[in-house]
N, C-alpha and C. Protein backbone atom coordinates (compact mmCIF):
# COMPACT_ATOMS: atom_id res chain seq x y z
N MET A 1 0.92 -1.17 0.04
CA MET A 1 -0.30 -0.08 0.00
C MET A 1 0.85 1.37 -0.02
N VAL A 2 0.60 2.07 -1.07
CA VAL A 2 0.88 3.61 -0.97
C VAL A 2 0.72 4.35 0.22
N MET A 3 1.21 5.05 1.32
CA MET A 3 0.95 5.79 1.88
C MET A 3 1.59 7.33 1.23
N TYR A 4 0.04 8.10 1.21
CA TYR A 4 0.74 10.13 1.59
C TYR A 4 0.55 10.76 2.57
N LYS A 5 1.12 11.75 2.27
CA LYS A 5 1.00 12.73 3.36
C LYS A 5 0.64 13.92 2.54
N ASN A 6 -0.18 14.73 3.31
CA ASN A 6 -0.71 16.34 2.51
C ASN A 6 0.44 17.26 3.65
N ILE A 7 1.17 18.04 2.46
CA ILE A 7 1.94 19.21 2.99
C ILE A 7 1.67 20.46 2.09
N ASP A 8 0.86 21.43 2.61
CA ASP A 8 0.42 22.61 2.24
C ASP A 8 -0.41 22.44 0.86
N GLY A 9 -1.18 21.49 1.24
CA GLY A 9 -2.25 20.98 0.48
C GLY A 9 -1.85 19.63 -1.17
N VAL A 10 -0.57 19.68 -0.75
CA VAL A 10 -0.20 18.79 -1.75
C VAL A 10 0.45 17.71 -1.22
N GLN A 11 0.04 16.29 -1.79
CA GLN A 11 0.15 14.80 -1.45
C GLN A 11 1.70 14.38 -1.83
N ILE A 12 2.54 14.22 -0.78
CA ILE A 12 3.45 13.77 -1.07
C ILE A 12 3.68 12.01 -0.29
N GLN A 13 4.33 11.53 -1.08
CA GLN A 13 4.50 9.64 -0.93
C GLN A 13 5.31 9.76 0.55
N MET A 14 4.49 9.68 1.38
CA MET A 14 5.59 8.83 2.45
C MET A 14 6.77 7.99 2.20
N THR A 15 8.18 8.19 2.84
CA THR A 15 8.91 7.18 2.96
C THR A 15 9.07 5.89 3.97
N ALA A 16 9.42 4.96 3.16
CA ALA A 16 8.94 3.72 4.10
C ALA A 16 8.98 3.85 5.72
N GLU A 17 10.21 4.82 6.39
CA GLU A 17 10.46 4.59 7.53
C GLU A 17 9.37 5.88 8.12
N GLU A 18 8.45 6.77 7.35
CA GLU A 18 7.10 7.29 8.12
C GLU A 18 6.39 6.44 7.96
N GLU A 19 6.08 5.75 6.70
CA GLU A 19 4.93 5.19 7.29
C GLU A 19 5.12 4.32 8.30
N THR A 20 6.67 3.36 8.33
CA THR A 20 6.40 2.75 9.74
C THR A 20 5.71 2.55 10.24
N ALA A 21 6.24 4.23 11.01
CA ALA A 21 6.11 5.21 12.07
C ALA A 21 4.98 5.55 12.61
N TRP A 22 3.65 5.75 11.24
CA TRP A 22 2.68 5.93 11.13
C TRP A 22 1.93 4.92 11.65
N LEU A 23 2.28 3.84 10.36
CA LEU A 23 1.27 2.45 11.23
C LEU A 23 1.32 2.58 13.05
N ALA A 24 2.79 2.45 13.26
CA ALA A 24 2.95 1.71 14.67
C ALA A 24 2.11 3.05 15.42
N TYR A 25 2.05 4.10 15.49
CA TYR A 25 1.41 5.60 15.93
C TYR A 25 -0.06 4.80 15.65
N GLN A 26 -0.83 4.11 14.91
CA GLN A 26 -1.93 4.31 14.94
C GLN A 26 -2.49 2.75 15.55
N ASP A 27 -1.38 1.91 15.89
CA ASP A 27 -1.70 0.68 16.09
C ASP A 27 -1.78 0.89 17.99
N THR A 28 -0.80 1.86 18.19
CA THR A 28 -0.73 2.65 19.60
C THR A 28 -2.12 2.73 20.58
N PRO A 29 -2.56 1.82 21.67
CA PRO A 29 -3.58 1.85 22.09
C PRO A 29 -3.69 3.27 22.71
N LEU A 30 -5.25 4.18 22.90
CA LEU A 30 -5.36 5.25 23.24
C LEU A 30 -5.72 5.30 24.32
N THR A 31 -5.56 6.28 25.48
CA THR A 31 -5.84 6.14 26.37
C THR A 31 -7.47 6.86 26.57
N GLU A 32 -8.14 6.75 27.84
CA GLU A 32 -9.48 6.31 27.82
C GLU A 32 -9.56 8.75 28.00
N LEU A 33 -8.63 8.83 28.05
CA LEU A 33 -8.85 11.18 27.78
C LEU A 33 -8.14 10.82 26.60
N GLU A 34 -7.34 10.06 25.98
CA GLU A 34 -7.55 10.63 24.61
C GLU A 34 -8.40 10.11 23.87
N ARG A 35 -9.12 9.18 23.85
CA ARG A 35 -10.16 8.76 23.07
C ARG A 35 -11.60 9.99 23.67
N HIS A 36 -11.80 10.34 24.47
CA HIS A 36 -12.53 11.47 24.86
C HIS A 36 -12.28 12.72 23.62
N LEU A 37 -11.32 12.72 24.02
CA LEU A 37 -10.81 14.28 23.17
C LEU A 37 -10.47 13.57 21.94
N LYS A 38 -10.38 12.10 21.21
CA LYS A 38 -10.55 12.33 20.33
C LYS A 38 -12.12 12.64 19.49
N ARG A 39 -13.11 12.02 20.48
CA ARG A 39 -14.52 12.15 19.87
C ARG A 39 -14.55 13.74 19.73
N ILE A 40 -14.08 14.69 21.27
CA ILE A 40 -14.80 15.91 20.83
C ILE A 40 -14.10 16.83 19.84
N ARG A 41 -12.90 16.13 19.38
CA ARG A 41 -12.32 16.91 17.88
C ARG A 41 -13.25 16.40 16.82
N LEU A 42 -13.43 15.15 17.01
CA LEU A 42 -14.19 15.10 15.62
C LEU A 42 -15.55 15.69 15.38
N LYS A 43 -16.45 15.41 16.68
CA LYS A 43 -17.82 16.65 16.78
C LYS A 43 -17.41 17.96 16.08
N ARG A 44 -16.25 19.00 17.03
CA ARG A 44 -16.16 19.89 16.27
C ARG A 44 -15.99 20.52 14.80
N ASN A 45 -14.69 19.27 14.51
CA ASN A 45 -14.25 19.48 13.58
C ASN A 45 -15.66 19.05 12.21
N ASN A 46 -16.58 18.64 13.11
CA ASN A 46 -17.71 18.17 11.66
C ASN A 46 -18.90 19.71 11.92
N LEU A 47 -18.43 20.73 12.65
CA LEU A 47 -19.19 21.58 13.04
C LEU A 47 -18.51 22.33 12.45
N LEU A 48 -17.27 22.75 12.76
CA LEU A 48 -16.90 24.36 11.82
C LEU A 48 -16.94 24.50 10.84
N PRO A 49 -16.82 23.43 9.89
CA PRO A 49 -17.08 23.95 8.11
C PRO A 49 -18.57 24.26 8.02
N LYS A 50 -19.02 23.85 8.98
CA LYS A 50 -20.87 24.15 8.75
C LYS A 50 -21.10 25.83 8.95
N THR A 51 -19.70 26.43 9.71
CA THR A 51 -20.01 27.85 9.85
C THR A 51 -19.00 28.43 8.68
N ASP A 52 -18.26 27.76 8.13
CA ASP A 52 -17.86 28.85 7.27
C ASP A 52 -17.98 29.74 6.33
N TRP A 53 -19.44 29.66 6.19
CA TRP A 53 -20.23 30.43 5.17
C TRP A 53 -20.42 31.63 5.26
N TRP A 54 -20.31 31.83 7.04
CA TRP A 54 -20.65 33.01 7.55
C TRP A 54 -19.58 34.10 7.42
N ALA A 55 -18.66 33.68 6.78
CA ALA A 55 -17.00 34.05 6.92
C ALA A 55 -17.22 34.89 4.91
N SER A 56 -17.80 34.72 4.25
CA SER A 56 -17.74 34.59 3.36
C SER A 56 -17.86 36.55 3.06
N SER A 57 -16.95 36.88 1.91
CA SER A 57 -16.80 37.99 2.13
C SER A 57 -17.91 39.22 2.19
N ASP A 58 -19.07 39.04 1.18
CA ASP A 58 -20.18 39.00 0.98
C ASP A 58 -21.20 39.47 2.58
N LEU A 59 -20.77 38.45 3.58
CA LEU A 59 -21.53 38.23 4.91
C LEU A 59 -20.71 39.33 5.88
N THR A 60 -21.17 39.55 6.99
CA THR A 60 -20.37 40.27 8.09
C THR A 60 -21.54 39.19 9.10
N MET A 61 -20.35 38.75 9.62
CA MET A 61 -20.08 37.77 10.87
C MET A 61 -20.90 38.97 12.25
N THR A 62 -21.77 38.54 12.67
CA THR A 62 -22.19 38.87 13.73
C THR A 62 -21.30 38.89 15.14
N ASP A 63 -20.91 39.23 16.22
CA ASP A 63 -19.96 38.97 17.44
C ASP A 63 -20.75 37.37 18.45
N ALA A 64 -21.60 37.33 18.17
CA ALA A 64 -21.96 35.75 18.52
C ALA A 64 -21.54 34.67 17.67
N ASP A 65 -21.70 35.17 16.18
CA ASP A 65 -21.07 34.02 15.54
C ASP A 65 -19.44 33.89 15.66
N LYS A 66 -18.63 34.73 15.90
CA LYS A 66 -17.76 34.70 16.03
C LYS A 66 -16.59 34.48 17.21
N LYS A 67 -17.60 34.20 18.16
CA LYS A 67 -17.94 33.94 19.43
C LYS A 67 -17.21 32.16 19.44
N TYR A 68 -19.06 31.89 18.37
CA TYR A 68 -19.40 30.48 18.29
C TYR A 68 -18.41 30.14 17.77
N ARG A 69 -17.35 30.05 16.56
CA ARG A 69 -16.67 29.76 16.11
C ARG A 69 -15.36 29.58 17.00
N GLN A 70 -15.38 30.71 17.94
CA GLN A 70 -14.25 30.90 18.17
C GLN A 70 -13.92 29.39 19.45
N ASP A 71 -15.25 29.40 20.19
CA ASP A 71 -15.60 28.67 21.17
C ASP A 71 -15.53 26.94 21.17
N LEU A 72 -15.61 27.14 19.73
CA LEU A 72 -15.76 25.51 19.23
C LEU A 72 -14.00 25.52 18.59
N ARG A 73 -12.76 26.33 18.29
CA ARG A 73 -11.88 26.45 18.10
C ARG A 73 -10.93 25.86 19.49
N ASP A 74 -11.69 26.55 21.02
CA ASP A 74 -11.20 26.22 21.64
C ASP A 74 -11.81 25.32 22.52
N ILE A 75 -12.69 24.78 22.19
CA ILE A 75 -13.28 23.73 23.04
C ILE A 75 -12.58 22.26 24.14
N THR A 76 -11.11 22.23 23.44
CA THR A 76 -10.44 21.40 24.14
C THR A 76 -9.52 22.09 25.25
N ASN A 77 -9.35 23.67 24.82
CA ASN A 77 -8.45 24.15 26.22
C ASN A 77 -8.88 23.42 27.47
N GLY A 78 -7.96 23.06 28.39
CA GLY A 78 -7.85 22.62 29.64
C GLY A 78 -8.49 21.46 29.71
N LEU A 79 -8.80 20.99 28.73
CA LEU A 79 -9.78 19.84 29.01
C LEU A 79 -8.16 18.48 29.14
N ASP A 80 -8.17 18.28 30.31
CA ASP A 80 -6.85 17.45 31.32
C ASP A 80 -7.43 16.16 31.48
N THR A 81 -8.68 16.07 31.87
CA THR A 81 -9.10 14.86 32.91
C THR A 81 -9.91 14.70 32.31
N VAL A 82 -10.70 13.27 31.91
CA VAL A 82 -11.80 12.72 31.82
C VAL A 82 -12.96 13.13 32.33
N LYS A 83 -13.17 13.37 33.01
CA LYS A 83 -14.49 14.12 33.79
C LYS A 83 -14.37 15.22 33.22
N LYS A 84 -13.39 16.51 32.80
CA LYS A 84 -14.17 17.18 32.50
C LYS A 84 -14.81 16.91 30.72
N CYS A 85 -14.00 16.31 30.36
CA CYS A 85 -14.02 15.79 28.99
C CYS A 85 -16.02 15.60 29.11
N GLU A 86 -16.04 14.59 29.99
CA GLU A 86 -17.37 14.82 30.12
C GLU A 86 -18.26 15.42 30.48
N ASP A 87 -17.57 16.22 31.70
CA ASP A 87 -19.04 17.54 32.06
C ASP A 87 -19.14 18.71 31.18
N LEU A 88 -17.98 18.52 29.55
CA LEU A 88 -18.24 19.17 29.39
C LEU A 88 -19.76 20.03 28.48
N THR A 89 -19.87 21.44 28.47
CA THR A 89 -20.60 21.84 27.86
C THR A 89 -20.26 22.78 26.04
N TRP A 90 -20.89 21.83 25.64
CA TRP A 90 -20.95 22.48 23.91
C TRP A 90 -21.47 23.83 23.46
N PRO A 91 -20.72 24.75 22.85
CA PRO A 91 -21.68 26.17 22.41
C PRO A 91 -22.74 25.83 21.77
N THR A 92 -23.98 27.03 22.57
CA THR A 92 -24.96 26.89 21.06
C THR A 92 -24.53 27.77 20.28
N ASN A 93 -25.14 26.92 18.70
CA ASN A 93 -24.97 27.82 17.65
C ASN A 93 -26.09 29.09 17.43
N PRO A 94 -26.03 29.55 17.37
CA PRO A 94 -26.50 31.10 17.78
C PRO A 94 -27.58 31.68 16.74
N ARG A 95 -27.51 30.77 15.36
CA ARG A 95 -28.68 30.79 14.62
C ARG A 95 -28.98 29.43 14.47
N GLU A 96 -29.00 28.85 15.54
CA GLU A 96 -29.83 28.19 15.90
C GLU A 96 -30.62 28.17 16.73
N SER A 97 -30.12 28.96 17.85
CA SER A 97 -31.06 28.99 19.60
C SER A 97 -32.33 29.91 19.02
N SER A 98 -32.48 30.47 18.08
CA SER A 98 -33.11 31.92 17.54
C SER A 98 -34.45 30.88 17.82
């Protein structure tokens, strides 16, 4: 199997050493905290693109829009325990709360 990495939007074939390191990394079991953080990041990475159109050049984002997007980007800040991950409160999308 040929594996690629993405550098500045360009796909470059990995060296054999990079492939070996990546596969070893993928096989490393995640801690409970890492699993929680991964799920949070996946959800955040799904929500953020849904707001990208708000930043179109012909639109003006409200302060609430900007805050929501920033809150999503900062969602994992300070999450250093499983308990904090489990107690996480997601920011409310200002365009859905009306």
